[in-house]
Amino acid sequence: MSHDHEHAEKRWYLVSYDIRDQARWRDAYKVLKGTGERIQYSLFRCRLSKTEMERLRWELHRVLADEDDLMFVHLCPSCAGRVQVKGQDNGWDAHRPRYEIL
């Protein structure tokens, strides 16, 4: 049995949304909160494999209406490394450790 999906290359995605209905906004927020990190009101960053990104897009499309907007922006590693966030470490390092030694 292959576990290639577990070792697939993960990439940074910016996920932005504009949702007109408060209930749908909360549902989308819950989906994204379990997957990524909120960096502004309707903007999340997510580190995902292509399969995980497609699954997230599918989950969000189940929640959103036609009038709502959703945008995924893939950031290449060098672009992600140049992201500047006011007043904090950018945290966009593509090679962050998955564990911490205590």
PDB file of N, CA and C in Angstrom:
ATOM      1  N   MET A   1       0.848  -1.184   0.000  1.00  0.00           N
ATOM      2  CA  MET A   1       0.000   0.000   0.000  1.00  0.00           C
ATOM      3  C   MET A   1       0.888   1.240   0.000  1.00  0.00           C
ATOM      4  N   SER A   2       0.634   2.155  -0.901  1.00  0.00           N
ATOM      5  CA  SER A   2       1.451   3.353  -1.035  1.00  0.00           C
ATOM      6  C   SER A   2       0.886   4.484  -0.180  1.00  0.00           C
ATOM      7  N   HIS A   3       1.783   5.247   0.406  1.00  0.00           N
ATOM      8  CA  HIS A   3       1.374   6.402   1.197  1.00  0.00           C
ATOM      9  C   HIS A   3       1.898   7.684   0.566  1.00  0.00           C
ATOM     10  N   ASP A   4       1.916   7.716  -0.768  1.00  0.00           N
ATOM     11  CA  ASP A   4       2.442   8.877  -1.472  1.00  0.00           C
ATOM     12  C   ASP A   4       1.708  10.158  -1.101  1.00  0.00           C
ATOM     13  N   HIS A   5       0.390  10.052  -0.840  1.00  0.00           N
ATOM     14  CA  HIS A   5      -0.371  11.255  -0.511  1.00  0.00           C
ATOM     15  C   HIS A   5       0.110  11.880   0.784  1.00  0.00           C
ATOM     16  N   GLU A   6       0.652  11.080   1.703  1.00  0.00           N
ATOM     17  CA  GLU A   6       1.147  11.610   2.968  1.00  0.00           C
ATOM     18  C   GLU A   6       2.458  12.354   2.777  1.00  0.00           C
ATOM     19  N   HIS A   7       3.220  11.987   1.764  1.00  0.00           N
ATOM     20  CA  HIS A   7       4.526  12.578   1.539  1.00  0.00           C
ATOM     21  C   HIS A   7       4.510  13.567   0.374  1.00  0.00           C
ATOM     22  N   ALA A   8       3.318  13.884  -0.122  1.00  0.00           N
ATOM     23  CA  ALA A   8       3.215  14.815  -1.248  1.00  0.00           C
ATOM     24  C   ALA A   8       3.748  16.176  -0.830  1.00  0.00           C
ATOM     25  N   GLU A   9       4.300  16.872  -1.794  1.00  0.00           N
ATOM     26  CA  GLU A   9       4.855  18.191  -1.530  1.00  0.00           C
ATOM     27  C   GLU A   9       3.755  19.146  -1.093  1.00  0.00           C
ATOM     28  N   LYS A  10       3.977  19.815   0.021  1.00  0.00           N
ATOM     29  CA  LYS A  10       3.000  20.787   0.513  1.00  0.00           C
ATOM     30  C   LYS A  10       3.426  22.172   0.068  1.00  0.00           C
ATOM     31  N   ARG A  11       2.436  22.981  -0.248  1.00  0.00           N
ATOM     32  CA  ARG A  11       2.673  24.330  -0.731  1.00  0.00           C
ATOM     33  C   ARG A  11       1.805  25.300   0.048  1.00  0.00           C
ATOM     34  N   TRP A  12       2.230  26.549   0.049  1.00  0.00           N
ATOM     35  CA  TRP A  12       1.428  27.581   0.685  1.00  0.00           C
ATOM     36  C   TRP A  12       0.338  28.049  -0.274  1.00  0.00           C
ATOM     37  N   TYR A  13      -0.840  28.219   0.275  1.00  0.00           N
ATOM     38  CA  TYR A  13      -1.967  28.807  -0.457  1.00  0.00           C
ATOM     39  C   TYR A  13      -2.551  29.931   0.387  1.00  0.00           C
ATOM     40  N   LEU A  14      -2.877  31.019  -0.258  1.00  0.00           N
ATOM     41  CA  LEU A  14      -3.688  32.052   0.362  1.00  0.00           C
ATOM     42  C   LEU A  14      -5.124  31.772  -0.055  1.00  0.00           C
ATOM     43  N   VAL A  15      -6.025  31.761   0.901  1.00  0.00           N
ATOM     44  CA  VAL A  15      -7.440  31.518   0.621  1.00  0.00           C
ATOM     45  C   VAL A  15      -8.204  32.752   1.086  1.00  0.00           C
ATOM     46  N   SER A  16      -8.848  33.404   0.135  1.00  0.00           N
ATOM     47  CA  SER A  16      -9.594  34.615   0.411  1.00  0.00           C
ATOM     48  C   SER A  16     -11.057  34.391   0.037  1.00  0.00           C
ATOM     49  N   TYR A  17     -11.948  34.958   0.827  1.00  0.00           N
ATOM     50  CA  TYR A  17     -13.365  34.778   0.529  1.00  0.00           C
ATOM     51  C   TYR A  17     -14.143  36.039   0.861  1.00  0.00           C
ATOM     52  N   ASP A  18     -15.229  36.221   0.152  1.00  0.00           N
ATOM     53  CA  ASP A  18     -16.161  37.316   0.384  1.00  0.00           C
ATOM     54  C   ASP A  18     -17.546  36.674   0.392  1.00  0.00           C
ATOM     55  N   ILE A  19     -18.108  36.538   1.587  1.00  0.00           N
ATOM     56  CA  ILE A  19     -19.358  35.792   1.761  1.00  0.00           C
ATOM     57  C   ILE A  19     -20.422  36.747   2.285  1.00  0.00           C
ATOM     58  N   ARG A  20     -21.535  36.823   1.580  1.00  0.00           N
ATOM     59  CA  ARG A  20     -22.574  37.817   1.884  1.00  0.00           C
ATOM     60  C   ARG A  20     -23.467  37.449   3.071  1.00  0.00           C
ATOM     61  N   ASP A  21     -23.555  36.188   3.401  1.00  0.00           N
ATOM     62  CA  ASP A  21     -24.462  35.725   4.457  1.00  0.00           C
ATOM     63  C   ASP A  21     -23.649  35.324   5.692  1.00  0.00           C
ATOM     64  N   GLN A  22     -24.042  35.824   6.859  1.00  0.00           N
ATOM     65  CA  GLN A  22     -23.285  35.581   8.089  1.00  0.00           C
ATOM     66  C   GLN A  22     -23.220  34.096   8.445  1.00  0.00           C
ATOM     67  N   ALA A  23     -24.283  33.352   8.241  1.00  0.00           N
ATOM     68  CA  ALA A  23     -24.276  31.919   8.566  1.00  0.00           C
ATOM     69  C   ALA A  23     -23.297  31.163   7.658  1.00  0.00           C
ATOM     70  N   ARG A  24     -23.290  31.483   6.370  1.00  0.00           N
ATOM     71  CA  ARG A  24     -22.340  30.836   5.451  1.00  0.00           C
ATOM     72  C   ARG A  24     -20.914  31.251   5.778  1.00  0.00           C
ATOM     73  N   TRP A  25     -20.727  32.535   6.176  1.00  0.00           N
ATOM     74  CA  TRP A  25     -19.399  33.009   6.563  1.00  0.00           C
ATOM     75  C   TRP A  25     -18.875  32.182   7.735  1.00  0.00           C
ATOM     76  N   ARG A  26     -19.725  31.951   8.752  1.00  0.00           N
ATOM     77  CA  ARG A  26     -19.311  31.151   9.916  1.00  0.00           C
ATOM     78  C   ARG A  26     -18.966  29.724   9.509  1.00  0.00           C
ATOM     79  N   ASP A  27     -19.766  29.143   8.611  1.00  0.00           N
ATOM     80  CA  ASP A  27     -19.486  27.768   8.160  1.00  0.00           C
ATOM     81  C   ASP A  27     -18.152  27.697   7.414  1.00  0.00           C
ATOM     82  N   ALA A  28     -17.894  28.665   6.547  1.00  0.00           N
ATOM     83  CA  ALA A  28     -16.621  28.688   5.819  1.00  0.00           C
ATOM     84  C   ALA A  28     -15.463  28.901   6.783  1.00  0.00           C
ATOM     85  N   TYR A  29     -15.651  29.779   7.754  1.00  0.00           N
ATOM     86  CA  TYR A  29     -14.617  30.040   8.754  1.00  0.00           C
ATOM     87  C   TYR A  29     -14.271  28.756   9.516  1.00  0.00           C
ATOM     88  N   LYS A  30     -15.278  27.987   9.890  1.00  0.00           N
ATOM     89  CA  LYS A  30     -15.038  26.727  10.614  1.00  0.00           C
ATOM     90  C   LYS A  30     -14.237  25.744   9.764  1.00  0.00           C
ATOM     91  N   VAL A  31     -14.562  25.644   8.485  1.00  0.00           N
ATOM     92  CA  VAL A  31     -13.826  24.752   7.583  1.00  0.00           C
ATOM     93  C   VAL A  31     -12.369  25.186   7.507  1.00  0.00           C
ATOM     94  N   LEU A  32     -12.146  26.471   7.301  1.00  0.00           N
ATOM     95  CA  LEU A  32     -10.781  26.976   7.149  1.00  0.00           C
ATOM     96  C   LEU A  32      -9.999  26.950   8.452  1.00  0.00           C
ATOM     97  N   LYS A  33     -10.675  27.214   9.564  1.00  0.00           N
ATOM     98  CA  LYS A  33      -9.997  27.215  10.864  1.00  0.00           C
ATOM     99  C   LYS A  33      -9.376  25.848  11.155  1.00  0.00           C
ATOM    100  N   GLY A  34     -10.011  24.782  10.683  1.00  0.00           N
ATOM    101  CA  GLY A  34      -9.488  23.444  10.892  1.00  0.00           C
ATOM    102  C   GLY A  34      -8.363  23.079   9.935  1.00  0.00           C
ATOM    103  N   THR A  35      -8.102  23.957   8.963  1.00  0.00           N
ATOM    104  CA  THR A  35      -7.125  23.639   7.918  1.00  0.00           C
ATOM    105  C   THR A  35      -5.952  24.601   7.882  1.00  0.00           C
ATOM    106  N   GLY A  36      -6.200  25.860   8.172  1.00  0.00           N
ATOM    107  CA  GLY A  36      -5.159  26.866   8.015  1.00  0.00           C
ATOM    108  C   GLY A  36      -5.129  27.847   9.160  1.00  0.00           C
ATOM    109  N   GLU A  37      -4.462  28.960   8.918  1.00  0.00           N
ATOM    110  CA  GLU A  37      -4.281  30.002   9.919  1.00  0.00           C
ATOM    111  C   GLU A  37      -4.855  31.302   9.383  1.00  0.00           C
ATOM    112  N   ARG A  38      -5.710  31.915  10.164  1.00  0.00           N
ATOM    113  CA  ARG A  38      -6.322  33.182   9.763  1.00  0.00           C
ATOM    114  C   ARG A  38      -5.288  34.293   9.935  1.00  0.00           C
ATOM    115  N   ILE A  39      -5.055  35.054   8.864  1.00  0.00           N
ATOM    116  CA  ILE A  39      -4.086  36.139   8.962  1.00  0.00           C
ATOM    117  C   ILE A  39      -4.743  37.515   8.809  1.00  0.00           C
ATOM    118  N   GLN A  40      -5.935  37.560   8.254  1.00  0.00           N
ATOM    119  CA  GLN A  40      -6.749  38.761   8.232  1.00  0.00           C
ATOM    120  C   GLN A  40      -8.209  38.313   8.250  1.00  0.00           C
ATOM    121  N   TYR A  41      -9.132  39.274   8.257  1.00  0.00           N
ATOM    122  CA  TYR A  41     -10.543  38.949   8.467  1.00  0.00           C
ATOM    123  C   TYR A  41     -11.047  37.816   7.577  1.00  0.00           C
ATOM    124  N   SER A  42     -10.853  37.915   6.293  1.00  0.00           N
ATOM    125  CA  SER A  42     -11.328  36.883   5.362  1.00  0.00           C
ATOM    126  C   SER A  42     -10.181  36.323   4.531  1.00  0.00           C
ATOM    127  N   LEU A  43      -9.028  36.171   5.181  1.00  0.00           N
ATOM    128  CA  LEU A  43      -7.840  35.680   4.499  1.00  0.00           C
ATOM    129  C   LEU A  43      -7.124  34.668   5.383  1.00  0.00           C
ATOM    130  N   PHE A  44      -6.958  33.473   4.847  1.00  0.00           N
ATOM    131  CA  PHE A  44      -6.256  32.400   5.548  1.00  0.00           C
ATOM    132  C   PHE A  44      -5.030  31.993   4.760  1.00  0.00           C
ATOM    133  N   ARG A  45      -4.048  31.450   5.454  1.00  0.00           N
ATOM    134  CA  ARG A  45      -2.936  30.795   4.778  1.00  0.00           C
ATOM    135  C   ARG A  45      -2.988  29.330   5.177  1.00  0.00           C
ATOM    136  N   CYS A  46      -2.750  28.479   4.203  1.00  0.00           N
ATOM    137  CA  CYS A  46      -2.826  27.041   4.413  1.00  0.00           C
ATOM    138  C   CYS A  46      -1.624  26.384   3.736  1.00  0.00           C
ATOM    139  N   ARG A  47      -1.019  25.435   4.392  1.00  0.00           N
ATOM    140  CA  ARG A  47       0.083  24.664   3.810  1.00  0.00           C
ATOM    141  C   ARG A  47      -0.472  23.289   3.485  1.00  0.00           C
ATOM    142  N   LEU A  48      -0.674  23.019   2.197  1.00  0.00           N
ATOM    143  CA  LEU A  48      -1.426  21.846   1.768  1.00  0.00           C
ATOM    144  C   LEU A  48      -0.773  21.164   0.581  1.00  0.00           C
ATOM    145  N   SER A  49      -1.034  19.874   0.483  1.00  0.00           N
ATOM    146  CA  SER A  49      -0.702  19.163  -0.754  1.00  0.00           C
ATOM    147  C   SER A  49      -1.787  19.502  -1.773  1.00  0.00           C
ATOM    148  N   LYS A  50      -1.560  19.156  -3.022  1.00  0.00           N
ATOM    149  CA  LYS A  50      -2.564  19.428  -4.060  1.00  0.00           C
ATOM    150  C   LYS A  50      -3.881  18.727  -3.734  1.00  0.00           C
ATOM    151  N   THR A  51      -3.804  17.493  -3.241  1.00  0.00           N
ATOM    152  CA  THR A  51      -5.010  16.744  -2.869  1.00  0.00           C
ATOM    153  C   THR A  51      -5.749  17.429  -1.725  1.00  0.00           C
ATOM    154  N   GLU A  52      -5.009  17.877  -0.704  1.00  0.00           N
ATOM    155  CA  GLU A  52      -5.629  18.570   0.423  1.00  0.00           C
ATOM    156  C   GLU A  52      -6.267  19.884  -0.025  1.00  0.00           C
ATOM    157  N   MET A  53      -5.609  20.591  -0.951  1.00  0.00           N
ATOM    158  CA  MET A  53      -6.159  21.835  -1.462  1.00  0.00           C
ATOM    159  C   MET A  53      -7.468  21.582  -2.201  1.00  0.00           C
ATOM    160  N   GLU A  54      -7.498  20.550  -3.030  1.00  0.00           N
ATOM    161  CA  GLU A  54      -8.725  20.225  -3.769  1.00  0.00           C
ATOM    162  C   GLU A  54      -9.846  19.821  -2.809  1.00  0.00           C
ATOM    163  N   ARG A  55      -9.510  19.084  -1.759  1.00  0.00           N
ATOM    164  CA  ARG A  55     -10.515  18.697  -0.755  1.00  0.00           C
ATOM    165  C   ARG A  55     -11.064  19.934  -0.052  1.00  0.00           C
ATOM    166  N   LEU A  56     -10.182  20.875   0.320  1.00  0.00           N
ATOM    167  CA  LEU A  56     -10.619  22.108   0.969  1.00  0.00           C
ATOM    168  C   LEU A  56     -11.522  22.910   0.038  1.00  0.00           C
ATOM    169  N   ARG A  57     -11.137  23.023  -1.218  1.00  0.00           N
ATOM    170  CA  ARG A  57     -11.957  23.759  -2.184  1.00  0.00           C
ATOM    171  C   ARG A  57     -13.346  23.122  -2.288  1.00  0.00           C
ATOM    172  N   TRP A  58     -13.395  21.792  -2.339  1.00  0.00           N
ATOM    173  CA  TRP A  58     -14.670  21.074  -2.419  1.00  0.00           C
ATOM    174  C   TRP A  58     -15.526  21.341  -1.181  1.00  0.00           C
ATOM    175  N   GLU A  59     -14.902  21.282   0.007  1.00  0.00           N
ATOM    176  CA  GLU A  59     -15.644  21.522   1.248  1.00  0.00           C
ATOM    177  C   GLU A  59     -16.206  22.943   1.287  1.00  0.00           C
ATOM    178  N   LEU A  60     -15.417  23.905   0.829  1.00  0.00           N
ATOM    179  CA  LEU A  60     -15.897  25.283   0.826  1.00  0.00           C
ATOM    180  C   LEU A  60     -17.008  25.492  -0.197  1.00  0.00           C
ATOM    181  N   HIS A  61     -16.903  24.864  -1.352  1.00  0.00           N
ATOM    182  CA  HIS A  61     -17.962  25.000  -2.363  1.00  0.00           C
ATOM    183  C   HIS A  61     -19.277  24.411  -1.868  1.00  0.00           C
ATOM    184  N   ARG A  62     -19.218  23.436  -0.985  1.00  0.00           N
ATOM    185  CA  ARG A  62     -20.445  22.867  -0.404  1.00  0.00           C
ATOM    186  C   ARG A  62     -21.145  23.891   0.486  1.00  0.00           C
ATOM    187  N   VAL A  63     -20.383  24.801   1.091  1.00  0.00           N
ATOM    188  CA  VAL A  63     -20.904  25.787   2.039  1.00  0.00           C
ATOM    189  C   VAL A  63     -21.355  27.068   1.344  1.00  0.00           C
ATOM    190  N   LEU A  64     -20.640  27.459   0.292  1.00  0.00           N
ATOM    191  CA  LEU A  64     -20.873  28.767  -0.325  1.00  0.00           C
ATOM    192  C   LEU A  64     -22.016  28.765  -1.329  1.00  0.00           C
ATOM    193  N   ALA A  65     -22.573  29.952  -1.543  1.00  0.00           N
ATOM    194  CA  ALA A  65     -23.613  30.159  -2.557  1.00  0.00           C
ATOM    195  C   ALA A  65     -22.966  30.771  -3.797  1.00  0.00           C
ATOM    196  N   ASP A  66     -23.718  30.805  -4.886  1.00  0.00           N
ATOM    197  CA  ASP A  66     -23.207  31.371  -6.140  1.00  0.00           C
ATOM    198  C   ASP A  66     -22.782  32.829  -5.995  1.00  0.00           C
ATOM    199  N   GLU A  67     -23.435  33.568  -5.110  1.00  0.00           N
ATOM    200  CA  GLU A  67     -23.111  34.993  -4.947  1.00  0.00           C
ATOM    201  C   GLU A  67     -21.823  35.233  -4.162  1.00  0.00           C
ATOM    202  N   ASP A  68     -21.296  34.203  -3.510  1.00  0.00           N
ATOM    203  CA  ASP A  68     -20.088  34.336  -2.706  1.00  0.00           C
ATOM    204  C   ASP A  68     -18.838  34.205  -3.582  1.00  0.00           C
ATOM    205  N   ASP A  69     -17.755  34.837  -3.131  1.00  0.00           N
ATOM    206  CA  ASP A  69     -16.487  34.771  -3.855  1.00  0.00           C
ATOM    207  C   ASP A  69     -15.477  33.949  -3.059  1.00  0.00           C
ATOM    208  N   LEU A  70     -14.662  33.187  -3.780  1.00  0.00           N
ATOM    209  CA  LEU A  70     -13.619  32.364  -3.170  1.00  0.00           C
ATOM    210  C   LEU A  70     -12.416  32.385  -4.098  1.00  0.00           C
ATOM    211  N   MET A  71     -11.230  32.602  -3.520  1.00  0.00           N
ATOM    212  CA  MET A  71     -10.023  32.640  -4.332  1.00  0.00           C
ATOM    213  C   MET A  71      -8.906  31.878  -3.617  1.00  0.00           C
ATOM    214  N   PHE A  72      -8.231  31.000  -4.359  1.00  0.00           N
ATOM    215  CA  PHE A  72      -7.044  30.292  -3.891  1.00  0.00           C
ATOM    216  C   PHE A  72      -5.855  30.851  -4.668  1.00  0.00           C
ATOM    217  N   VAL A  73      -4.807  31.239  -3.964  1.00  0.00           N
ATOM    218  CA  VAL A  73      -3.589  31.727  -4.608  1.00  0.00           C
ATOM    219  C   VAL A  73      -2.440  30.851  -4.143  1.00  0.00           C
ATOM    220  N   HIS A  74      -1.812  30.140  -5.077  1.00  0.00           N
ATOM    221  CA  HIS A  74      -0.647  29.316  -4.755  1.00  0.00           C
ATOM    222  C   HIS A  74       0.580  30.200  -4.714  1.00  0.00           C
ATOM    223  N   LEU A  75       1.401  30.036  -3.678  1.00  0.00           N
ATOM    224  CA  LEU A  75       2.652  30.783  -3.575  1.00  0.00           C
ATOM    225  C   LEU A  75       3.814  29.816  -3.750  1.00  0.00           C
ATOM    226  N   CYS A  76       4.682  30.105  -4.702  1.00  0.00           N
ATOM    227  CA  CYS A  76       5.878  29.282  -4.865  1.00  0.00           C
ATOM    228  C   CYS A  76       6.760  29.486  -3.631  1.00  0.00           C
ATOM    229  N   PRO A  77       7.682  28.567  -3.339  1.00  0.00           N
ATOM    230  CA  PRO A  77       8.516  28.698  -2.130  1.00  0.00           C
ATOM    231  C   PRO A  77       9.264  30.025  -2.039  1.00  0.00           C
ATOM    232  N   SER A  78       9.830  30.508  -3.145  1.00  0.00           N
ATOM    233  CA  SER A  78      10.576  31.770  -3.064  1.00  0.00           C
ATOM    234  C   SER A  78       9.634  32.942  -2.819  1.00  0.00           C
ATOM    235  N   CYS A  79       8.428  32.906  -3.383  1.00  0.00           N
ATOM    236  CA  CYS A  79       7.443  33.973  -3.144  1.00  0.00           C
ATOM    237  C   CYS A  79       6.988  33.954  -1.685  1.00  0.00           C
ATOM    238  N   ALA A  80       6.726  32.768  -1.158  1.00  0.00           N
ATOM    239  CA  ALA A  80       6.286  32.647   0.229  1.00  0.00           C
ATOM    240  C   ALA A  80       7.355  33.182   1.175  1.00  0.00           C
ATOM    241  N   GLY A  81       8.622  32.941   0.840  1.00  0.00           N
ATOM    242  CA  GLY A  81       9.712  33.412   1.683  1.00  0.00           C
ATOM    243  C   GLY A  81       9.849  34.923   1.700  1.00  0.00           C
ATOM    244  N   ARG A  82       9.244  35.611   0.716  1.00  0.00           N
ATOM    245  CA  ARG A  82       9.329  37.071   0.647  1.00  0.00           C
ATOM    246  C   ARG A  82       8.080  37.772   1.183  1.00  0.00           C
ATOM    247  N   VAL A  83       7.129  37.007   1.703  1.00  0.00           N
ATOM    248  CA  VAL A  83       5.922  37.623   2.263  1.00  0.00           C
ATOM    249  C   VAL A  83       6.315  38.448   3.478  1.00  0.00           C
ATOM    250  N   GLN A  84       5.803  39.648   3.546  1.00  0.00           N
ATOM    251  CA  GLN A  84       6.070  40.523   4.682  1.00  0.00           C
ATOM    252  C   GLN A  84       4.780  40.743   5.445  1.00  0.00           C
ATOM    253  N   VAL A  85       4.852  40.521   6.754  1.00  0.00           N
ATOM    254  CA  VAL A  85       3.698  40.714   7.620  1.00  0.00           C
ATOM    255  C   VAL A  85       4.080  41.771   8.645  1.00  0.00           C
ATOM    256  N   LYS A  86       3.295  42.811   8.751  1.00  0.00           N
ATOM    257  CA  LYS A  86       3.599  43.926   9.642  1.00  0.00           C
ATOM    258  C   LYS A  86       3.660  43.475  11.098  1.00  0.00           C
ATOM    259  N   GLY A  87       4.767  43.783  11.745  1.00  0.00           N
ATOM    260  CA  GLY A  87       4.870  43.602  13.182  1.00  0.00           C
ATOM    261  C   GLY A  87       5.055  42.186  13.687  1.00  0.00           C
ATOM    262  N   GLN A  88       5.387  41.235  12.815  1.00  0.00           N
ATOM    263  CA  GLN A  88       5.579  39.867  13.306  1.00  0.00           C
ATOM    264  C   GLN A  88       6.474  39.081  12.368  1.00  0.00           C
ATOM    265  N   ASP A  89       7.018  37.985  12.912  1.00  0.00           N
ATOM    266  CA  ASP A  89       7.798  37.075  12.085  1.00  0.00           C
ATOM    267  C   ASP A  89       6.864  36.524  11.020  1.00  0.00           C
ATOM    268  N   ASN A  90       7.347  36.447   9.782  1.00  0.00           N
ATOM    269  CA  ASN A  90       6.421  36.062   8.721  1.00  0.00           C
ATOM    270  C   ASN A  90       5.984  34.610   8.811  1.00  0.00           C
ATOM    271  N   GLY A  91       6.802  33.716   9.360  1.00  0.00           N
ATOM    272  CA  GLY A  91       6.380  32.332   9.570  1.00  0.00           C
ATOM    273  C   GLY A  91       6.065  31.554   8.308  1.00  0.00           C
ATOM    274  N   TRP A  92       6.565  32.000   7.172  1.00  0.00           N
ATOM    275  CA  TRP A  92       6.258  31.341   5.903  1.00  0.00           C
ATOM    276  C   TRP A  92       7.362  30.376   5.502  1.00  0.00           C
ATOM    277  N   ASP A  93       8.205  29.984   6.436  1.00  0.00           N
ATOM    278  CA  ASP A  93       9.297  29.056   6.133  1.00  0.00           C
ATOM    279  C   ASP A  93       8.713  27.726   5.676  1.00  0.00           C
ATOM    280  N   ALA A  94       9.089  27.301   4.482  1.00  0.00           N
ATOM    281  CA  ALA A  94       8.526  26.078   3.897  1.00  0.00           C
ATOM    282  C   ALA A  94       9.028  24.826   4.594  1.00  0.00           C
ATOM    283  N   HIS A  95      10.071  24.943   5.391  1.00  0.00           N
ATOM    284  CA  HIS A  95      10.663  23.753   5.993  1.00  0.00           C
ATOM    285  C   HIS A  95      10.551  23.770   7.505  1.00  0.00           C
ATOM    286  N   ARG A  96       9.442  24.254   8.008  1.00  0.00           N
ATOM    287  CA  ARG A  96       9.218  24.263   9.440  1.00  0.00           C
ATOM    288  C   ARG A  96       9.179  22.849   9.991  1.00  0.00           C
ATOM    289  N   PRO A  97       9.770  22.608  11.160  1.00  0.00           N
ATOM    290  CA  PRO A  97       9.702  21.263  11.732  1.00  0.00           C
ATOM    291  C   PRO A  97       8.264  20.944  12.144  1.00  0.00           C
ATOM    292  N   ARG A  98       7.894  19.674  12.053  1.00  0.00           N
ATOM    293  CA  ARG A  98       6.544  19.257  12.406  1.00  0.00           C
ATOM    294  C   ARG A  98       6.457  18.872  13.873  1.00  0.00           C
ATOM    295  N   TYR A  99       7.579  18.890  14.580  1.00  0.00           N
ATOM    296  CA  TYR A  99       7.592  18.527  15.979  1.00  0.00           C
ATOM    297  C   TYR A  99       8.532  19.457  16.713  1.00  0.00           C
ATOM    298  N   GLU A 100       8.440  19.455  18.038  1.00  0.00           N
ATOM    299  CA  GLU A 100       9.277  20.300  18.842  1.00  0.00           C
ATOM    300  C   GLU A 100       9.937  19.448  19.912  1.00  0.00           C
ATOM    301  N   ILE A 101      11.227  19.611  20.093  1.00  0.00           N
ATOM    302  CA  ILE A 101      11.942  18.865  21.122  1.00  0.00           C
ATOM    303  C   ILE A 101      11.884  19.673  22.413  1.00  0.00           C
ATOM    304  N   LEU A 102      11.392  19.045  23.463  1.00  0.00           N
ATOM    305  CA  LEU A 102      11.240  19.750  24.753  1.00  0.00           C
ATOM    306  C   LEU A 102      12.331  19.351  25.710  1.00  0.00           C
TER     307      LEU A 102
END
